[in-house]
PDB file of all heavy atoms in Angstrom:
ATOM      1  N   PHE A   1      96.701  22.810  38.478  1.00  0.00           N
ATOM      2  CA  PHE A   1      96.612  21.380  38.676  1.00  0.00           C
ATOM      3  C   PHE A   1      97.799  20.808  39.246  1.00  0.00           C
ATOM      4  O   PHE A   1      97.761  20.016  40.226  1.00  0.00           O
ATOM      5  CB  PHE A   1      96.227  20.718  37.346  1.00  0.00           C
ATOM      6  CG  PHE A   1      94.811  20.863  36.863  1.00  0.00           C
ATOM      7  CD1 PHE A   1      94.531  21.520  35.662  1.00  0.00           C
ATOM      8  CD2 PHE A   1      93.745  20.454  37.635  1.00  0.00           C
ATOM      9  CE1 PHE A   1      93.270  21.654  35.207  1.00  0.00           C
ATOM     10  CE2 PHE A   1      92.449  20.600  37.199  1.00  0.00           C
ATOM     11  CZ  PHE A   1      92.201  21.249  36.041  1.00  0.00           C
ATOM     12  N   GLN A   2      98.950  21.183  38.686  1.00  0.00           N
ATOM     13  CA  GLN A   2     100.194  20.581  39.117  1.00  0.00           C
ATOM     14  C   GLN A   2     100.482  20.936  40.615  1.00  0.00           C
ATOM     15  O   GLN A   2     100.956  20.073  41.402  1.00  0.00           O
ATOM     16  CB  GLN A   2     101.390  21.091  38.219  1.00  0.00           C
ATOM     17  CG  GLN A   2     101.304  20.552  36.786  1.00  0.00           C
ATOM     18  CD  GLN A   2     101.290  19.084  36.663  1.00  0.00           C
ATOM     19  OE1 GLN A   2     101.973  18.357  37.410  1.00  0.00           O
ATOM     20  NE2 GLN A   2     100.392  18.600  35.852  1.00  0.00           N
ATOM     21  N   ALA A   3     100.239  22.157  40.978  1.00  0.00           N
ATOM     22  CA  ALA A   3     100.467  22.579  42.390  1.00  0.00           C
ATOM     23  C   ALA A   3      99.557  21.744  43.296  1.00  0.00           C
ATOM     24  O   ALA A   3     100.012  21.342  44.396  1.00  0.00           O
ATOM     25  CB  ALA A   3     100.147  24.099  42.559  1.00  0.00           C
ATOM     26  N   CYS A   4      98.318  21.470  42.963  1.00  0.00           N
ATOM     27  CA  CYS A   4      97.489  20.680  43.740  1.00  0.00           C
ATOM     28  C   CYS A   4      97.939  19.258  43.928  1.00  0.00           C
ATOM     29  O   CYS A   4      97.984  18.785  45.038  1.00  0.00           O
ATOM     30  CB  CYS A   4      96.040  20.723  43.186  1.00  0.00           C
ATOM     31  SG  CYS A   4      95.168  22.261  43.283  1.00  0.00           S
ATOM     32  N   PHE A   5      98.248  18.655  42.812  1.00  0.00           N
ATOM     33  CA  PHE A   5      98.536  17.222  42.926  1.00  0.00           C
ATOM     34  C   PHE A   5      99.955  16.950  43.487  1.00  0.00           C
ATOM     35  O   PHE A   5     100.164  15.960  44.151  1.00  0.00           O
ATOM     36  CB  PHE A   5      98.366  16.562  41.532  1.00  0.00           C
ATOM     37  CG  PHE A   5      96.940  16.392  41.151  1.00  0.00           C
ATOM     38  CD1 PHE A   5      96.363  17.182  40.123  1.00  0.00           C
ATOM     39  CD2 PHE A   5      96.042  15.546  41.862  1.00  0.00           C
ATOM     40  CE1 PHE A   5      95.026  17.022  39.813  1.00  0.00           C
ATOM     41  CE2 PHE A   5      94.733  15.409  41.546  1.00  0.00           C
ATOM     42  CZ  PHE A   5      94.224  16.201  40.492  1.00  0.00           C
ATOM     43  N   VAL A   6     100.901  17.825  43.216  1.00  0.00           N
ATOM     44  CA  VAL A   6     102.179  17.748  43.830  1.00  0.00           C
ATOM     45  C   VAL A   6     102.088  17.983  45.306  1.00  0.00           C
ATOM     46  O   VAL A   6     102.677  17.222  46.146  1.00  0.00           O
ATOM     47  CB  VAL A   6     103.188  18.735  43.195  1.00  0.00           C
ATOM     48  CG1 VAL A   6     104.465  18.803  44.036  1.00  0.00           C
ATOM     49  CG2 VAL A   6     103.510  18.282  41.767  1.00  0.00           C
ATOM     50  N   SER A   7     101.313  18.896  45.819  1.00  0.00           N
ATOM     51  CA  SER A   7     101.102  19.155  47.179  1.00  0.00           C
ATOM     52  C   SER A   7     100.406  17.956  47.907  1.00  0.00           C
ATOM     53  O   SER A   7     100.829  17.560  48.929  1.00  0.00           O
ATOM     54  CB  SER A   7     100.195  20.355  47.427  1.00  0.00           C
ATOM     55  OG  SER A   7     100.865  21.561  46.925  1.00  0.00           O
ATOM     56  N   ALA A   8      99.471  17.408  47.189  1.00  0.00           N
ATOM     57  CA  ALA A   8      98.776  16.184  47.767  1.00  0.00           C
ATOM     58  C   ALA A   8      99.750  15.075  47.947  1.00  0.00           C
ATOM     59  O   ALA A   8      99.679  14.378  49.018  1.00  0.00           O
ATOM     60  CB  ALA A   8      97.617  15.859  46.919  1.00  0.00           C
ATOM     61  N   THR A   9     100.585  14.837  46.947  1.00  0.00           N
ATOM     62  CA  THR A   9     101.590  13.699  47.128  1.00  0.00           C
ATOM     63  C   THR A   9     102.544  13.944  48.195  1.00  0.00           C
ATOM     64  O   THR A   9     102.945  13.132  48.958  1.00  0.00           O
ATOM     65  CB  THR A   9     102.290  13.463  45.739  1.00  0.00           C
ATOM     66  OG1 THR A   9     101.262  13.150  44.760  1.00  0.00           O
ATOM     67  CG2 THR A   9     103.323  12.361  45.855  1.00  0.00           C
ATOM     68  N   ALA A  10     103.046  15.274  48.318  1.00  0.00           N
ATOM     69  CA  ALA A  10     103.962  15.633  49.327  1.00  0.00           C
ATOM     70  C   ALA A  10     103.372  15.479  50.728  1.00  0.00           C
ATOM     71  O   ALA A  10     104.043  14.894  51.618  1.00  0.00           O
ATOM     72  CB  ALA A  10     104.376  17.052  49.194  1.00  0.00           C
ATOM     73  N   VAL A  11     102.118  15.843  50.880  1.00  0.00           N
ATOM     74  CA  VAL A  11     101.484  15.642  52.224  1.00  0.00           C
ATOM     75  C   VAL A  11     101.228  14.167  52.516  1.00  0.00           C
ATOM     76  O   VAL A  11     101.474  13.716  53.671  1.00  0.00           O
ATOM     77  CB  VAL A  11     100.183  16.448  52.282  1.00  0.00           C
ATOM     78  CG1 VAL A  11      99.432  16.142  53.545  1.00  0.00           C
ATOM     79  CG2 VAL A  11     100.469  17.921  52.190  1.00  0.00           C
ATOM     80  N   ALA A  12     100.830  13.386  51.508  1.00  0.00           N
ATOM     81  CA  ALA A  12     100.682  11.940  51.761  1.00  0.00           C
ATOM     82  C   ALA A  12     102.032  11.326  52.145  1.00  0.00           C
ATOM     83  O   ALA A  12     102.057  10.453  53.013  1.00  0.00           O
ATOM     84  CB  ALA A  12     100.121  11.303  50.526  1.00  0.00           C
ATOM     85  N   ALA A  13     103.108  11.771  51.505  1.00  0.00           N
ATOM     86  CA  ALA A  13     104.464  11.210  51.888  1.00  0.00           C
ATOM     87  C   ALA A  13     104.761  11.572  53.221  1.00  0.00           C
ATOM     88  O   ALA A  13     105.517  10.821  53.958  1.00  0.00           O
ATOM     89  CB  ALA A  13     105.441  11.797  50.863  1.00  0.00           C
ATOM     90  N   HIS A  14     104.425  12.712  53.825  1.00  0.00           N
ATOM     91  CA  HIS A  14     104.786  13.147  55.082  1.00  0.00           C
ATOM     92  C   HIS A  14     103.830  12.417  56.179  1.00  0.00           C
ATOM     93  O   HIS A  14     104.083  12.426  57.344  1.00  0.00           O
ATOM     94  CB  HIS A  14     104.684  14.595  55.334  1.00  0.00           C
ATOM     95  CG  HIS A  14     105.866  15.384  54.820  1.00  0.00           C
ATOM     96  ND1 HIS A  14     105.992  15.714  53.447  1.00  0.00           N
ATOM     97  CD2 HIS A  14     106.978  15.772  55.399  1.00  0.00           C
ATOM     98  CE1 HIS A  14     107.129  16.313  53.260  1.00  0.00           C
ATOM     99  NE2 HIS A  14     107.787  16.430  54.443  1.00  0.00           N
ATOM    100  N   THR A  15     102.692  11.834  55.664  1.00  0.00           N
ATOM    101  CA  THR A  15     101.802  11.212  56.572  1.00  0.00           C
ATOM    102  C   THR A  15     102.285   9.813  57.020  1.00  0.00           C
ATOM    103  O   THR A  15     102.459   9.534  58.186  1.00  0.00           O
ATOM    104  CB  THR A  15     100.423  11.087  55.948  1.00  0.00           C
ATOM    105  OG1 THR A  15      99.925  12.350  55.573  1.00  0.00           O
ATOM    106  CG2 THR A  15      99.407  10.425  56.835  1.00  0.00           C
ATOM    107  N   SER A  16     102.596   9.017  56.033  1.00  0.00           N
ATOM    108  CA  SER A  16     103.208   7.651  56.300  1.00  0.00           C
ATOM    109  C   SER A  16     103.540   7.010  54.968  1.00  0.00           C
ATOM    110  O   SER A  16     103.025   7.399  53.948  1.00  0.00           O
ATOM    111  CB  SER A  16     102.238   6.796  57.133  1.00  0.00           C
ATOM    112  OG  SER A  16     101.131   6.393  56.318  1.00  0.00           O
ATOM    113  N   THR A  17     104.311   5.989  55.053  1.00  0.00           N
ATOM    114  CA  THR A  17     104.642   5.220  53.897  1.00  0.00           C
ATOM    115  C   THR A  17     103.429   4.540  53.294  1.00  0.00           C
ATOM    116  O   THR A  17     103.184   4.492  52.055  1.00  0.00           O
ATOM    117  CB  THR A  17     105.686   4.173  54.199  1.00  0.00           C
ATOM    118  OG1 THR A  17     106.891   4.767  54.723  1.00  0.00           O
ATOM    119  CG2 THR A  17     106.144   3.341  52.886  1.00  0.00           C
ATOM    120  N   ALA A  18     102.533   4.013  54.142  1.00  0.00           N
ATOM    121  CA  ALA A  18     101.337   3.392  53.707  1.00  0.00           C
ATOM    122  C   ALA A  18     100.432   4.409  52.999  1.00  0.00           C
ATOM    123  O   ALA A  18      99.798   4.127  52.051  1.00  0.00           O
ATOM    124  CB  ALA A  18     100.617   2.642  54.896  1.00  0.00           C
ATOM    125  N   ALA A  19     100.297   5.603  53.626  1.00  0.00           N
ATOM    126  CA  ALA A  19      99.443   6.610  53.044  1.00  0.00           C
ATOM    127  C   ALA A  19      99.877   7.033  51.667  1.00  0.00           C
ATOM    128  O   ALA A  19      99.072   7.165  50.729  1.00  0.00           O
ATOM    129  CB  ALA A  19      99.424   7.830  53.909  1.00  0.00           C
ATOM    130  N   VAL A  20     101.135   7.245  51.418  1.00  0.00           N
ATOM    131  CA  VAL A  20     101.633   7.735  50.130  1.00  0.00           C
ATOM    132  C   VAL A  20     101.515   6.605  49.134  1.00  0.00           C
ATOM    133  O   VAL A  20     101.184   6.816  47.969  1.00  0.00           O
ATOM    134  CB  VAL A  20     103.114   8.271  50.176  1.00  0.00           C
ATOM    135  CG1 VAL A  20     104.174   7.108  50.350  1.00  0.00           C
ATOM    136  CG2 VAL A  20     103.384   9.077  48.913  1.00  0.00           C
ATOM    137  N   GLY A  21     101.723   5.359  49.505  1.00  0.00           N
ATOM    138  CA  GLY A  21     101.522   4.184  48.627  1.00  0.00           C
ATOM    139  C   GLY A  21     100.036   4.034  48.253  1.00  0.00           C
ATOM    140  O   GLY A  21      99.716   3.912  47.020  1.00  0.00           O
ATOM    141  N   ALA A  22      99.179   4.190  49.219  1.00  0.00           N
ATOM    142  CA  ALA A  22      97.723   4.121  48.865  1.00  0.00           C
ATOM    143  C   ALA A  22      97.264   5.297  47.981  1.00  0.00           C
ATOM    144  O   ALA A  22      96.451   5.164  47.042  1.00  0.00           O
ATOM    145  CB  ALA A  22      96.906   4.091  50.178  1.00  0.00           C
ATOM    146  N   HIS A  23      97.783   6.463  48.336  1.00  0.00           N
ATOM    147  CA  HIS A  23      97.481   7.727  47.531  1.00  0.00           C
ATOM    148  C   HIS A  23      97.948   7.512  46.040  1.00  0.00           C
ATOM    149  O   HIS A  23      97.225   7.890  45.136  1.00  0.00           O
ATOM    150  CB  HIS A  23      98.175   8.888  48.138  1.00  0.00           C
ATOM    151  CG  HIS A  23      97.924  10.166  47.354  1.00  0.00           C
ATOM    152  ND1 HIS A  23      96.739  10.823  47.305  1.00  0.00           N
ATOM    153  CD2 HIS A  23      98.810  10.935  46.645  1.00  0.00           C
ATOM    154  CE1 HIS A  23      96.807  11.890  46.551  1.00  0.00           C
ATOM    155  NE2 HIS A  23      98.016  11.972  46.116  1.00  0.00           N
ATOM    156  N   GLN A  24      99.176   6.953  45.849  1.00  0.00           N
ATOM    157  CA  GLN A  24      99.683   6.799  44.568  1.00  0.00           C
ATOM    158  C   GLN A  24      98.784   5.836  43.706  1.00  0.00           C
ATOM    159  O   GLN A  24      98.519   6.112  42.594  1.00  0.00           O
ATOM    160  CB  GLN A  24     101.118   6.211  44.642  1.00  0.00           C
ATOM    161  CG  GLN A  24     101.750   5.887  43.311  1.00  0.00           C
ATOM    162  CD  GLN A  24     102.058   7.164  42.488  1.00  0.00           C
ATOM    163  OE1 GLN A  24     101.913   8.219  42.959  1.00  0.00           O
ATOM    164  NE2 GLN A  24     102.436   6.956  41.240  1.00  0.00           N
ATOM    165  N   ILE A  25      98.356   4.720  44.340  1.00  0.00           N
ATOM    166  CA  ILE A  25      97.470   3.803  43.581  1.00  0.00           C
ATOM    167  C   ILE A  25      96.218   4.475  43.153  1.00  0.00           C
ATOM    168  O   ILE A  25      95.781   4.418  41.923  1.00  0.00           O
ATOM    169  CB  ILE A  25      97.192   2.598  44.516  1.00  0.00           C
ATOM    170  CG1 ILE A  25      98.353   1.737  44.694  1.00  0.00           C
ATOM    171  CG2 ILE A  25      95.995   1.766  43.958  1.00  0.00           C
ATOM    172  CD1 ILE A  25      98.233   0.647  45.819  1.00  0.00           C
ATOM    173  N   VAL A  26      95.530   5.165  44.063  1.00  0.00           N
ATOM    174  CA  VAL A  26      94.272   5.705  43.766  1.00  0.00           C
ATOM    175  C   VAL A  26      94.418   6.951  42.820  1.00  0.00           C
ATOM    176  O   VAL A  26      93.597   7.174  41.908  1.00  0.00           O
ATOM    177  CB  VAL A  26      93.502   6.195  45.039  1.00  0.00           C
ATOM    178  CG1 VAL A  26      92.114   6.721  44.716  1.00  0.00           C
ATOM    179  CG2 VAL A  26      93.355   4.944  45.944  1.00  0.00           C
ATOM    180  N   LEU A  27      95.480   7.654  43.025  1.00  0.00           N
ATOM    181  CA  LEU A  27      95.700   8.848  42.202  1.00  0.00           C
ATOM    182  C   LEU A  27      95.992   8.467  40.757  1.00  0.00           C
ATOM    183  O   LEU A  27      95.491   9.076  39.816  1.00  0.00           O
ATOM    184  CB  LEU A  27      96.908   9.680  42.717  1.00  0.00           C
ATOM    185  CG  LEU A  27      97.193  10.998  41.886  1.00  0.00           C
ATOM    186  CD1 LEU A  27      96.021  11.988  41.981  1.00  0.00           C
ATOM    187  CD2 LEU A  27      98.466  11.666  42.409  1.00  0.00           C
ATOM    188  N   GLN A  28      96.754   7.406  40.552  1.00  0.00           N
ATOM    189  CA  GLN A  28      97.008   6.901  39.166  1.00  0.00           C
ATOM    190  C   GLN A  28      95.775   6.408  38.478  1.00  0.00           C
ATOM    191  O   GLN A  28      95.531   6.668  37.190  1.00  0.00           O
ATOM    192  CB  GLN A  28      98.083   5.857  39.153  1.00  0.00           C
ATOM    193  CG  GLN A  28      99.446   6.338  39.546  1.00  0.00           C
ATOM    194  CD  GLN A  28      99.924   7.543  38.668  1.00  0.00           C
ATOM    195  OE1 GLN A  28      99.862   7.477  37.446  1.00  0.00           O
ATOM    196  NE2 GLN A  28     100.297   8.644  39.348  1.00  0.00           N
ATOM    197  N   LEU A  29      94.892   5.802  39.285  1.00  0.00           N
ATOM    198  CA  LEU A  29      93.593   5.381  38.689  1.00  0.00           C
ATOM    199  C   LEU A  29      92.746   6.616  38.317  1.00  0.00           C
ATOM    200  O   LEU A  29      92.073   6.649  37.314  1.00  0.00           O
ATOM    201  CB  LEU A  29      92.774   4.486  39.653  1.00  0.00           C
ATOM    202  CG  LEU A  29      93.377   3.115  39.826  1.00  0.00           C
ATOM    203  CD1 LEU A  29      92.716   2.366  40.970  1.00  0.00           C
ATOM    204  CD2 LEU A  29      93.186   2.276  38.513  1.00  0.00           C
ATOM    205  N   TRP A  30      92.794   7.650  39.165  1.00  0.00           N
ATOM    206  CA  TRP A  30      92.095   8.890  38.893  1.00  0.00           C
ATOM    207  C   TRP A  30      92.580   9.485  37.606  1.00  0.00           C
ATOM    208  O   TRP A  30      91.815   9.931  36.772  1.00  0.00           O
ATOM    209  CB  TRP A  30      92.346   9.840  40.072  1.00  0.00           C
ATOM    210  CG  TRP A  30      91.794  11.281  39.851  1.00  0.00           C
ATOM    211  CD1 TRP A  30      92.537  12.309  39.349  1.00  0.00           C
ATOM    212  CD2 TRP A  30      90.460  11.774  40.016  1.00  0.00           C
ATOM    213  NE1 TRP A  30      91.739  13.407  39.240  1.00  0.00           N
ATOM    214  CE2 TRP A  30      90.522  13.136  39.696  1.00  0.00           C
ATOM    215  CE3 TRP A  30      89.277  11.175  40.486  1.00  0.00           C
ATOM    216  CZ2 TRP A  30      89.340  13.943  39.681  1.00  0.00           C
ATOM    217  CZ3 TRP A  30      88.172  12.029  40.555  1.00  0.00           C
ATOM    218  CH2 TRP A  30      88.261  13.361  40.144  1.00  0.00           C
ATOM    219  N   MET A  31      93.888   9.540  37.497  1.00  0.00           N
ATOM    220  CA  MET A  31      94.493  10.114  36.212  1.00  0.00           C
ATOM    221  C   MET A  31      94.120   9.305  35.033  1.00  0.00           C
ATOM    222  O   MET A  31      93.869   9.940  33.972  1.00  0.00           O
ATOM    223  CB  MET A  31      96.002  10.200  36.394  1.00  0.00           C
ATOM    224  CG  MET A  31      96.561  11.115  37.429  1.00  0.00           C
ATOM    225  SD  MET A  31      96.080  12.852  37.173  1.00  0.00           S
ATOM    226  CE  MET A  31      97.023  13.671  38.446  1.00  0.00           C
ATOM    227  N   PHE A  32      94.172   7.989  35.124  1.00  0.00           N
ATOM    228  CA  PHE A  32      93.689   7.161  33.969  1.00  0.00           C
ATOM    229  C   PHE A  32      92.282   7.391  33.588  1.00  0.00           C
ATOM    230  O   PHE A  32      91.968   7.564  32.446  1.00  0.00           O
ATOM    231  CB  PHE A  32      93.890   5.684  34.332  1.00  0.00           C
ATOM    232  CG  PHE A  32      93.388   4.727  33.252  1.00  0.00           C
ATOM    233  CD1 PHE A  32      94.136   4.688  32.084  1.00  0.00           C
ATOM    234  CD2 PHE A  32      92.211   4.033  33.450  1.00  0.00           C
ATOM    235  CE1 PHE A  32      93.583   3.801  31.046  1.00  0.00           C
ATOM    236  CE2 PHE A  32      91.758   3.202  32.476  1.00  0.00           C
ATOM    237  CZ  PHE A  32      92.348   3.061  31.200  1.00  0.00           C
ATOM    238  N   LEU A  33      91.310   7.449  34.532  1.00  0.00           N
ATOM    239  CA  LEU A  33      89.916   7.800  34.255  1.00  0.00           C
ATOM    240  C   LEU A  33      89.754   9.174  33.725  1.00  0.00           C
ATOM    241  O   LEU A  33      88.862   9.493  32.929  1.00  0.00           O
ATOM    242  CB  LEU A  33      89.138   7.476  35.457  1.00  0.00           C
ATOM    243  CG  LEU A  33      88.996   6.031  35.845  1.00  0.00           C
ATOM    244  CD1 LEU A  33      87.876   5.860  36.925  1.00  0.00           C
ATOM    245  CD2 LEU A  33      88.744   5.130  34.706  1.00  0.00           C
ATOM    246  N   ALA A  34      90.623  10.121  34.135  1.00  0.00           N
ATOM    247  CA  ALA A  34      90.531  11.420  33.566  1.00  0.00           C
ATOM    248  C   ALA A  34      90.850  11.386  32.138  1.00  0.00           C
ATOM    249  O   ALA A  34      90.233  12.165  31.373  1.00  0.00           O
ATOM    250  CB  ALA A  34      91.556  12.386  34.339  1.00  0.00           C
ATOM    251  N   LEU A  35      91.831  10.580  31.740  1.00  0.00           N
ATOM    252  CA  LEU A  35      92.058  10.420  30.210  1.00  0.00           C
ATOM    253  C   LEU A  35      90.872   9.874  29.472  1.00  0.00           C
ATOM    254  O   LEU A  35      90.524  10.297  28.456  1.00  0.00           O
ATOM    255  CB  LEU A  35      93.259   9.518  30.017  1.00  0.00           C
ATOM    256  CG  LEU A  35      94.616  10.028  30.418  1.00  0.00           C
ATOM    257  CD1 LEU A  35      95.688   9.006  30.194  1.00  0.00           C
ATOM    258  CD2 LEU A  35      94.986  11.347  29.652  1.00  0.00           C
ATOM    259  N   VAL A  36      90.180   8.845  30.154  1.00  0.00           N
ATOM    260  CA  VAL A  36      88.989   8.242  29.527  1.00  0.00           C
ATOM    261  C   VAL A  36      87.885   9.262  29.355  1.00  0.00           C
ATOM    262  O   VAL A  36      87.345   9.461  28.235  1.00  0.00           O
ATOM    263  CB  VAL A  36      88.494   7.078  30.417  1.00  0.00           C
ATOM    264  CG1 VAL A  36      87.216   6.558  29.937  1.00  0.00           C
ATOM    265  CG2 VAL A  36      89.535   5.954  30.434  1.00  0.00           C
ATOM    266  N   LEU A  37      87.631  10.048  30.445  1.00  0.00           N
ATOM    267  CA  LEU A  37      86.591  11.075  30.292  1.00  0.00           C
ATOM    268  C   LEU A  37      86.985  12.305  29.448  1.00  0.00           C
ATOM    269  O   LEU A  37      86.159  12.891  28.863  1.00  0.00           O
ATOM    270  CB  LEU A  37      86.286  11.608  31.737  1.00  0.00           C
ATOM    271  CG  LEU A  37      85.566  10.547  32.663  1.00  0.00           C
ATOM    272  CD1 LEU A  37      85.561  11.059  34.077  1.00  0.00           C
ATOM    273  CD2 LEU A  37      84.208  10.227  32.209  1.00  0.00           C
ATOM    274  N   ASP A  38      88.296  12.517  29.343  1.00  0.00           N
ATOM    275  CA  ASP A  38      88.746  13.626  28.522  1.00  0.00           C
ATOM    276  C   ASP A  38      88.498  13.365  26.980  1.00  0.00           C
ATOM    277  O   ASP A  38      88.458  14.280  26.206  1.00  0.00           O
ATOM    278  CB  ASP A  38      90.266  13.828  28.751  1.00  0.00           C
ATOM    279  CG  ASP A  38      90.692  15.251  28.488  1.00  0.00           C
ATOM    280  OD1 ASP A  38      89.832  16.217  28.721  1.00  0.00           O
ATOM    281  OD2 ASP A  38      91.839  15.538  28.102  1.00  0.00           O
ATOM    282  N   SER A  39      88.328  12.075  26.614  1.00  0.00           N
ATOM    283  CA  SER A  39      88.011  11.825  25.259  1.00  0.00           C
ATOM    284  C   SER A  39      86.695  12.467  24.754  1.00  0.00           C
ATOM    285  O   SER A  39      86.507  12.950  23.669  1.00  0.00           O
ATOM    286  CB  SER A  39      88.047  10.277  24.922  1.00  0.00           C
ATOM    287  OG  SER A  39      87.031   9.667  25.736  1.00  0.00           O
ATOM    288  N   LEU A  40      85.748  12.440  25.733  1.00  0.00           N
ATOM    289  CA  LEU A  40      84.443  13.124  25.447  1.00  0.00           C
ATOM    290  C   LEU A  40      84.659  14.606  25.354  1.00  0.00           C
ATOM    291  O   LEU A  40      84.054  15.291  24.544  1.00  0.00           O
ATOM    292  CB  LEU A  40      83.397  12.812  26.561  1.00  0.00           C
ATOM    293  CG  LEU A  40      82.508  11.569  26.383  1.00  0.00           C
ATOM    294  CD1 LEU A  40      81.613  11.423  27.616  1.00  0.00           C
ATOM    295  CD2 LEU A  40      81.752  11.641  25.121  1.00  0.00           C
ATOM    296  N   ALA A  41      85.567  15.147  26.169  1.00  0.00           N
ATOM    297  CA  ALA A  41      85.826  16.587  26.188  1.00  0.00           C
ATOM    298  C   ALA A  41      86.419  16.969  24.795  1.00  0.00           C
ATOM    299  O   ALA A  41      86.141  18.067  24.315  1.00  0.00           O
ATOM    300  CB  ALA A  41      86.784  16.953  27.271  1.00  0.00           C
TER     301      ALA A  41
END
């Protein structure tokens, strides 16, 4: 998991400042909802 998400952030950072900013927003929401769904797990 860490290899995937670190790689995704690195590629977004190399794409553009706007891309890495947008990726960070959506990724943090993804991580938050993963916690919500993990409670059922």
